[in-house]
C-alpha atoms as a PDB file:
ATOM      1  CA  MET A   1     -40.943 318.216  66.971  1.00  0.00           C
ATOM      2  CA  ASP A   2     -38.339 316.647  64.907  1.00  0.00           C
ATOM      3  CA  SER A   3     -38.584 313.003  63.506  1.00  0.00           C
ATOM      4  CA  GLN A   4     -35.666 311.018  64.467  1.00  0.00           C
ATOM      5  CA  ALA A   5     -34.308 307.359  64.134  1.00  0.00           C
ATOM      6  CA  VAL A   6     -36.717 305.049  66.139  1.00  0.00           C
ATOM      7  CA  PRO A   7     -36.957 301.507  66.283  1.00  0.00           C
ATOM      8  CA  PRO A   8     -39.619 299.631  64.354  1.00  0.00           C
ATOM      9  CA  PRO A   9     -43.128 298.687  65.908  1.00  0.00           C
ATOM     10  CA  PHE A  10     -42.903 296.060  68.497  1.00  0.00           C
ATOM     11  CA  ALA A  11     -39.029 296.185  68.561  1.00  0.00           C
ATOM     12  CA  ASP A  12     -37.206 294.830  71.429  1.00  0.00           C
ATOM     13  CA  PRO A  13     -36.733 297.790  74.130  1.00  0.00           C
ATOM     14  CA  CYS A  14     -33.782 295.859  75.269  1.00  0.00           C
ATOM     15  CA  ALA A  15     -31.975 295.730  72.166  1.00  0.00           C
ATOM     16  CA  GLU A  16     -28.919 297.738  71.852  1.00  0.00           C
ATOM     17  CA  GLY A  17     -29.548 301.474  71.303  1.00  0.00           C
ATOM     18  CA  TYR A  18     -33.191 301.380  72.269  1.00  0.00           C
ATOM     19  CA  ALA A  19     -34.962 302.304  75.338  1.00  0.00           C
ATOM     20  CA  PRO A  20     -38.504 302.544  76.194  1.00  0.00           C
ATOM     21  CA  VAL A  21     -40.960 305.432  75.415  1.00  0.00           C
ATOM     22  CA  VAL A  22     -42.466 306.575  78.611  1.00  0.00           C
ATOM     23  CA  VAL A  23     -45.833 308.581  78.793  1.00  0.00           C
ATOM     24  CA  LEU A  24     -46.169 309.686  82.215  1.00  0.00           C
ATOM     25  CA  GLY A  25     -49.257 311.638  83.810  1.00  0.00           C
ATOM     26  CA  ILE A  26     -48.588 313.379  87.215  1.00  0.00           C
ATOM     27  CA  GLY A  27     -51.148 315.207  89.473  1.00  0.00           C
ATOM     28  CA  ASN A  28     -53.849 314.381  91.934  1.00  0.00           C
ATOM     29  CA  LEU A  29     -57.280 312.894  90.513  1.00  0.00           C
ATOM     30  CA  LEU A  30     -59.260 314.157  93.761  1.00  0.00           C
ATOM     31  CA  TRP A  31     -58.476 317.943  93.209  1.00  0.00           C
ATOM     32  CA  ALA A  32     -60.430 318.682  90.315  1.00  0.00           C
ATOM     33  CA  ASP A  33     -58.084 319.918  87.152  1.00  0.00           C
ATOM     34  CA  GLU A  34     -55.028 318.644  89.202  1.00  0.00           C
ATOM     35  CA  GLY A  35     -56.162 315.255  87.647  1.00  0.00           C
ATOM     36  CA  PHE A  36     -55.432 316.382  84.048  1.00  0.00           C
ATOM     37  CA  GLY A  37     -52.330 314.759  83.422  1.00  0.00           C
ATOM     38  CA  ILE A  38     -53.582 311.263  84.711  1.00  0.00           C
ATOM     39  CA  ARG A  39     -56.791 311.634  82.725  1.00  0.00           C
ATOM     40  CA  CYS A  40     -54.725 312.204  79.483  1.00  0.00           C
ATOM     41  CA  VAL A  41     -52.782 308.810  80.206  1.00  0.00           C
ATOM     42  CA  GLU A  42     -55.872 307.022  81.029  1.00  0.00           C
ATOM     43  CA  ALA A  43     -57.664 308.101  77.872  1.00  0.00           C
ATOM     44  CA  LEU A  44     -54.881 306.984  75.704  1.00  0.00           C
ATOM     45  CA  GLY A  45     -54.585 303.574  77.348  1.00  0.00           C
ATOM     46  CA  GLN A  46     -58.333 303.085  76.852  1.00  0.00           C
ATOM     47  CA  ARG A  47     -58.320 304.323  73.168  1.00  0.00           C
ATOM     48  CA  TYR A  48     -55.085 303.062  71.782  1.00  0.00           C
ATOM     49  CA  ALA A  49     -52.536 300.318  71.951  1.00  0.00           C
ATOM     50  CA  PHE A  50     -49.049 300.706  71.479  1.00  0.00           C
ATOM     51  CA  ALA A  51     -45.871 299.233  70.299  1.00  0.00           C
ATOM     52  CA  GLU A  52     -44.400 296.906  73.050  1.00  0.00           C
ATOM     53  CA  HIS A  53     -41.474 299.591  74.040  1.00  0.00           C
ATOM     54  CA  VAL A  54     -44.025 302.196  75.164  1.00  0.00           C
ATOM     55  CA  GLN A  55     -45.152 302.431  78.742  1.00  0.00           C
ATOM     56  CA  LEU A  56     -48.114 304.350  80.407  1.00  0.00           C
ATOM     57  CA  VAL A  57     -47.571 305.475  83.836  1.00  0.00           C
ATOM     58  CA  ASP A  58     -50.069 306.888  86.532  1.00  0.00           C
ATOM     59  CA  GLY A  59     -47.439 308.963  88.145  1.00  0.00           C
ATOM     60  CA  GLY A  60     -49.795 310.599  90.748  1.00  0.00           C
ATOM     61  CA  THR A  61     -48.129 312.373  93.107  1.00  0.00           C
ATOM     62  CA  GLN A  62     -45.099 309.962  93.782  1.00  0.00           C
ATOM     63  CA  GLY A  63     -42.367 312.326  93.247  1.00  0.00           C
ATOM     64  CA  LEU A  64     -38.829 310.845  93.340  1.00  0.00           C
ATOM     65  CA  TYR A  65     -40.492 307.217  93.362  1.00  0.00           C
ATOM     66  CA  LEU A  66     -40.611 308.269  89.404  1.00  0.00           C
ATOM     67  CA  LEU A  67     -37.046 308.521  89.014  1.00  0.00           C
ATOM     68  CA  HIS A  68     -36.482 305.281  87.583  1.00  0.00           C
ATOM     69  CA  TYR A  69     -39.226 305.928  84.523  1.00  0.00           C
ATOM     70  CA  VAL A  70     -37.157 309.001  83.832  1.00  0.00           C
ATOM     71  CA  GLN A  71     -33.801 307.195  83.781  1.00  0.00           C
ATOM     72  CA  GLY A  72     -35.185 304.221  81.762  1.00  0.00           C
ATOM     73  CA  ALA A  73     -36.750 306.388  78.902  1.00  0.00           C
ATOM     74  CA  ARG A  74     -35.185 307.394  75.629  1.00  0.00           C
ATOM     75  CA  GLN A  75     -38.111 309.593  75.233  1.00  0.00           C
ATOM     76  CA  LEU A  76     -40.424 311.023  77.757  1.00  0.00           C
ATOM     77  CA  LEU A  77     -44.061 312.492  77.272  1.00  0.00           C
ATOM     78  CA  ILE A  78     -45.414 314.402  80.308  1.00  0.00           C
ATOM     79  CA  PHE A  79     -48.757 315.348  80.953  1.00  0.00           C
ATOM     80  CA  ASP A  80     -49.657 317.981  83.717  1.00  0.00           C
ATOM     81  CA  ALA A  81     -51.728 320.949  84.849  1.00  0.00           C
ATOM     82  CA  ILE A  82     -49.526 323.641  84.937  1.00  0.00           C
ATOM     83  CA  ASP A  83     -50.194 327.402  85.862  1.00  0.00           C
ATOM     84  CA  TYR A  84     -48.862 329.336  83.306  1.00  0.00           C
ATOM     85  CA  GLY A  85     -50.955 332.465  84.084  1.00  0.00           C
ATOM     86  CA  LEU A  86     -53.132 331.763  81.021  1.00  0.00           C
ATOM     87  CA  PRO A  87     -56.925 331.509  80.295  1.00  0.00           C
ATOM     88  CA  PRO A  88     -58.181 328.333  81.766  1.00  0.00           C
ATOM     89  CA  GLY A  89     -57.766 325.518  79.421  1.00  0.00           C
ATOM     90  CA  THR A  90     -54.877 326.956  77.470  1.00  0.00           C
ATOM     91  CA  LEU A  91     -52.347 324.298  76.345  1.00  0.00           C
ATOM     92  CA  LYS A  92     -48.761 324.920  76.217  1.00  0.00           C
ATOM     93  CA  VAL A  93     -46.147 322.513  74.708  1.00  0.00           C
ATOM     94  CA  VAL A  94     -42.438 322.832  76.240  1.00  0.00           C
ATOM     95  CA  GLU A  95     -39.554 320.575  75.065  1.00  0.00           C
ATOM     96  CA  ASP A  96     -36.225 319.285  76.247  1.00  0.00           C
ATOM     97  CA  ASP A  97     -34.259 321.697  78.258  1.00  0.00           C
ATOM     98  CA  GLU A  98     -36.958 323.990  79.013  1.00  0.00           C
ATOM     99  CA  VAL A  99     -39.302 321.383  80.890  1.00  0.00           C
ATOM    100  CA  PRO A 100     -37.654 321.644  84.362  1.00  0.00           C
ATOM    101  CA  ARG A 101     -37.815 325.294  84.240  1.00  0.00           C
ATOM    102  CA  PHE A 102     -41.601 325.401  83.513  1.00  0.00           C
ATOM    103  CA  LEU A 103     -42.213 322.824  86.119  1.00  0.00           C
ATOM    104  CA  GLY A 104     -40.601 324.815  88.611  1.00  0.00           C
ATOM    105  CA  ALA A 105     -41.860 328.425  87.454  1.00  0.00           C
ATOM    106  CA  LYS A 106     -44.794 328.381  89.941  1.00  0.00           C
ATOM    107  CA  LYS A 107     -45.739 325.743  92.489  1.00  0.00           C
ATOM    108  CA  MET A 108     -49.157 324.722  92.527  1.00  0.00           C
ATOM    109  CA  SER A 109     -48.591 321.555  94.535  1.00  0.00           C
ATOM    110  CA  LEU A 110     -46.473 319.184  96.108  1.00  0.00           C
ATOM    111  CA  HIS A 111     -45.874 316.897  93.157  1.00  0.00           C
ATOM    112  CA  GLN A 112     -44.504 319.563  90.968  1.00  0.00           C
ATOM    113  CA  THR A 113     -41.526 320.224  93.300  1.00  0.00           C
ATOM    114  CA  GLY A 114     -41.062 316.520  93.548  1.00  0.00           C
ATOM    115  CA  PHE A 115     -41.021 315.892  89.698  1.00  0.00           C
ATOM    116  CA  GLN A 116     -38.672 318.728  89.119  1.00  0.00           C
ATOM    117  CA  GLU A 117     -36.168 317.176  91.468  1.00  0.00           C
ATOM    118  CA  VAL A 118     -36.765 313.768  89.602  1.00  0.00           C
ATOM    119  CA  LEU A 119     -35.532 315.512  86.272  1.00  0.00           C
ATOM    120  CA  SER A 120     -32.525 317.145  88.204  1.00  0.00           C
ATOM    121  CA  LEU A 121     -31.646 313.725  89.600  1.00  0.00           C
ATOM    122  CA  ALA A 122     -31.985 311.933  86.496  1.00  0.00           C
ATOM    123  CA  GLN A 123     -29.461 314.715  84.813  1.00  0.00           C
ATOM    124  CA  LEU A 124     -26.854 314.317  87.422  1.00  0.00           C
ATOM    125  CA  THR A 125     -27.076 310.459  87.066  1.00  0.00           C
ATOM    126  CA  GLY A 126     -26.237 310.516  83.361  1.00  0.00           C
ATOM    127  CA  HIS A 127     -29.351 308.759  82.635  1.00  0.00           C
ATOM    128  CA  TYR A 128     -31.722 311.176  81.021  1.00  0.00           C
ATOM    129  CA  PRO A 129     -34.092 311.106  78.195  1.00  0.00           C
ATOM    130  CA  GLU A 130     -32.958 311.971  74.617  1.00  0.00           C
ATOM    131  CA  ARG A 131     -36.089 313.552  74.289  1.00  0.00           C
ATOM    132  CA  VAL A 132     -38.495 315.194  76.843  1.00  0.00           C
ATOM    133  CA  LEU A 133     -41.979 316.864  76.077  1.00  0.00           C
ATOM    134  CA  LEU A 134     -44.313 318.510  78.292  1.00  0.00           C
ATOM    135  CA  ILE A 135     -47.954 318.970  77.469  1.00  0.00           C
ATOM    136  CA  GLY A 136     -49.521 321.317  80.150  1.00  0.00           C
ATOM    137  CA  CYS A 137     -52.701 322.494  80.696  1.00  0.00           C
ATOM    138  CA  GLN A 138     -53.827 325.769  82.565  1.00  0.00           C
ATOM    139  CA  PRO A 139     -56.248 324.726  85.285  1.00  0.00           C
ATOM    140  CA  GLU A 140     -59.531 326.326  86.187  1.00  0.00           C
ATOM    141  CA  GLU A 141     -60.127 325.021  89.469  1.00  0.00           C
ATOM    142  CA  LEU A 142     -58.131 323.300  92.236  1.00  0.00           C
ATOM    143  CA  GLU A 143     -59.580 323.692  95.442  1.00  0.00           C
ATOM    144  CA  ASP A 144     -62.595 320.737  94.757  1.00  0.00           C
ATOM    145  CA  TYR A 145     -61.748 317.873  96.927  1.00  0.00           C
ATOM    146  CA  GLY A 146     -63.168 314.733  95.198  1.00  0.00           C
ATOM    147  CA  GLY A 147     -64.240 316.853  92.202  1.00  0.00           C
ATOM    148  CA  SER A 148     -63.279 316.134  88.357  1.00  0.00           C
ATOM    149  CA  LEU A 149     -62.027 318.245  85.352  1.00  0.00           C
ATOM    150  CA  ARG A 150     -64.001 321.715  84.710  1.00  0.00           C
ATOM    151  CA  ALA A 151     -65.343 321.712  81.193  1.00  0.00           C
ATOM    152  CA  SER A 152     -62.653 324.279  79.865  1.00  0.00           C
ATOM    153  CA  VAL A 153     -60.087 321.656  80.817  1.00  0.00           C
ATOM    154  CA  ARG A 154     -61.765 318.293  79.647  1.00  0.00           C
ATOM    155  CA  LEU A 155     -62.259 320.046  76.437  1.00  0.00           C
ATOM    156  CA  ALA A 156     -58.464 321.007  76.215  1.00  0.00           C
ATOM    157  CA  LEU A 157     -57.962 317.175  76.890  1.00  0.00           C
ATOM    158  CA  GLU A 158     -58.835 316.110  73.645  1.00  0.00           C
ATOM    159  CA  ASP A 159     -56.323 318.679  71.900  1.00  0.00           C
ATOM    160  CA  ALA A 160     -53.601 317.611  74.545  1.00  0.00           C
ATOM    161  CA  LEU A 161     -54.062 313.783  73.138  1.00  0.00           C
ATOM    162  CA  ALA A 162     -53.859 314.746  69.559  1.00  0.00           C
ATOM    163  CA  LEU A 163     -50.343 316.552  70.284  1.00  0.00           C
ATOM    164  CA  GLY A 164     -49.284 313.766  72.227  1.00  0.00           C
ATOM    165  CA  LEU A 165     -50.253 311.322  69.617  1.00  0.00           C
ATOM    166  CA  GLN A 166     -48.175 313.132  66.979  1.00  0.00           C
ATOM    167  CA  ALA A 167     -45.261 313.115  69.390  1.00  0.00           C
ATOM    168  CA  LEU A 168     -45.587 309.593  69.908  1.00  0.00           C
ATOM    169  CA  ARG A 169     -45.870 308.607  66.244  1.00  0.00           C
ATOM    170  CA  ASP A 170     -42.840 310.665  65.593  1.00  0.00           C
ATOM    171  CA  TRP A 171     -40.910 308.573  68.328  1.00  0.00           C
ATOM    172  CA  GLY A 172     -41.989 304.993  67.135  1.00  0.00           C
ATOM    173  CA  ALA A 173     -44.823 304.350  69.555  1.00  0.00           C
ATOM    174  CA  ALA A 174     -46.936 303.013  66.934  1.00  0.00           C
ATOM    175  CA  PRO A 175     -50.228 304.026  68.325  1.00  0.00           C
ATOM    176  CA  ARG A 176     -53.496 302.189  67.007  1.00  0.00           C
ATOM    177  CA  PRO A 177     -57.085 302.741  67.832  1.00  0.00           C
ATOM    178  CA  ARG A 178     -58.464 299.875  69.953  1.00  0.00           C
ATOM    179  CA  VAL A 179     -61.440 297.941  68.291  1.00  0.00           C
ATOM    180  CA  GLY A 180     -64.395 297.994  70.298  1.00  0.00           C
ATOM    181  CA  ALA A 181     -65.314 299.960  73.760  1.00  0.00           C
ATOM    182  CA  ARG A 182     -63.116 299.258  76.808  1.00  0.00           C
ATOM    183  CA  SER A 183     -64.818 299.308  80.152  1.00  0.00           C
ATOM    184  CA  ASP A 184     -63.960 301.621  82.970  1.00  0.00           C
ATOM    185  CA  GLY A 185     -60.090 301.414  83.923  1.00  0.00           C
ATOM    186  CA  ASP A 186     -59.687 298.650  81.166  1.00  0.00           C
ATOM    187  CA  GLY A 187     -56.686 300.855  79.940  1.00  0.00           C
ATOM    188  CA  GLY A 188     -54.766 299.457  83.107  1.00  0.00           C
ATOM    189  CA  VAL A 189     -53.602 303.012  84.169  1.00  0.00           C
ATOM    190  CA  THR A 190     -56.109 303.971  86.780  1.00  0.00           C
ATOM    191  CA  LEU A 191     -58.250 302.005  88.905  1.00  0.00           C
ATOM    192  CA  PRO A 192     -61.713 300.875  87.761  1.00  0.00           C
ATOM    193  CA  SER A 193     -63.233 302.992  90.563  1.00  0.00           C
ATOM    194  CA  LEU A 194     -61.253 306.042  89.530  1.00  0.00           C
ATOM    195  CA  ALA A 195     -62.022 305.848  85.851  1.00  0.00           C
ATOM    196  CA  LEU A 196     -63.478 309.325  84.709  1.00  0.00           C
ATOM    197  CA  GLU A 197     -67.060 308.589  83.834  1.00  0.00           C
ATOM    198  CA  ARG A 198     -67.715 306.366  87.009  1.00  0.00           C
ATOM    199  CA  TYR A 199     -65.802 308.743  88.965  1.00  0.00           C
ATOM    200  CA  GLU A 200     -67.854 311.716  87.833  1.00  0.00           C
ATOM    201  CA  GLY A 201     -71.387 309.450  87.616  1.00  0.00           C
ATOM    202  CA  GLU A 202     -71.140 308.410  91.036  1.00  0.00           C
ATOM    203  CA  ARG A 203     -70.159 311.827  92.716  1.00  0.00           C
ATOM    204  CA  PRO A 204     -73.158 313.213  94.625  1.00  0.00           C
ATOM    205  CA  SER A 205     -74.694 316.410  93.852  1.00  0.00           C
ATOM    206  CA  ALA A 206     -73.637 319.538  95.080  1.00  0.00           C
ATOM    207  CA  GLU A 207     -76.584 319.685  97.579  1.00  0.00           C
ATOM    208  CA  ALA A 208     -75.769 316.316  99.141  1.00  0.00           C
ATOM    209  CA  ALA A 209     -72.014 317.089  99.015  1.00  0.00           C
ATOM    210  CA  CYS A 210     -69.904 320.170  99.678  1.00  0.00           C
ATOM    211  CA  ARG A 211     -67.402 321.122  96.881  1.00  0.00           C
ATOM    212  CA  VAL A 212     -64.732 321.530  99.239  1.00  0.00           C
ATOM    213  CA  GLY A 213     -65.271 317.698 100.436  1.00  0.00           C
ATOM    214  CA  ASP A 214     -66.587 314.617  98.830  1.00  0.00           C
ATOM    215  CA  ALA A 215     -68.027 311.851 101.576  1.00  0.00           C
ATOM    216  CA  ARG A 216     -66.472 309.289  99.471  1.00  0.00           C
ATOM    217  CA  PHE A 217     -63.075 310.372 100.649  1.00  0.00           C
ATOM    218  CA  MET A 218     -63.950 311.820 104.068  1.00  0.00           C
ATOM    219  CA  PRO A 219     -63.757 309.521 106.882  1.00  0.00           C
ATOM    220  CA  ALA A 220     -66.893 308.405 108.488  1.00  0.00           C
ATOM    221  CA  ALA A 221     -68.001 310.183 111.572  1.00  0.00           C
ATOM    222  CA  GLU A 222     -67.898 308.377 114.845  1.00  0.00           C
END
């Protein structure tokens, strides 16, 4: 990744020539490794503070509702679970014009189709980031409703964060470690009830809850 001219830390994002840096996690927390992208953005928000022109976004499965984030970004960093056909937990970094092709290479879920369309629409409108970086992780397990990241993917999360932080430094995002521990959800990206440690800690055992369903998310029996 090449360094480029960037605004100084805490520059006015509305100033001429500057636009926000957007860090976007897409996926679904409720389906095991599908939550990889959101967990990456959540961890960044909990561990680091950034320059004022940086925005962290839990994109979930919003699809076309994410268009304005893409249109408004000068640099866009995306975290997602992508089926590259590689061993579980393998990271692959894709840049710029190659990103839409990889997002559409194999449809794992509806959110990928929607986000590929978001990128295409942003290009058609003439409002597209100067730089796009996708950090994707090969999932191990998706068919686990209410589940969390598998060990291979959770281990890869730390390497993904390191790659993302380097790009953000190059882009002038000025990441700074936060002083002191932050409470669940205090990063402002995910709801406190869905923060990783709490989410995993409150999940019933395999004996109490089938791994293809979690009572916390299933309708109560009449």
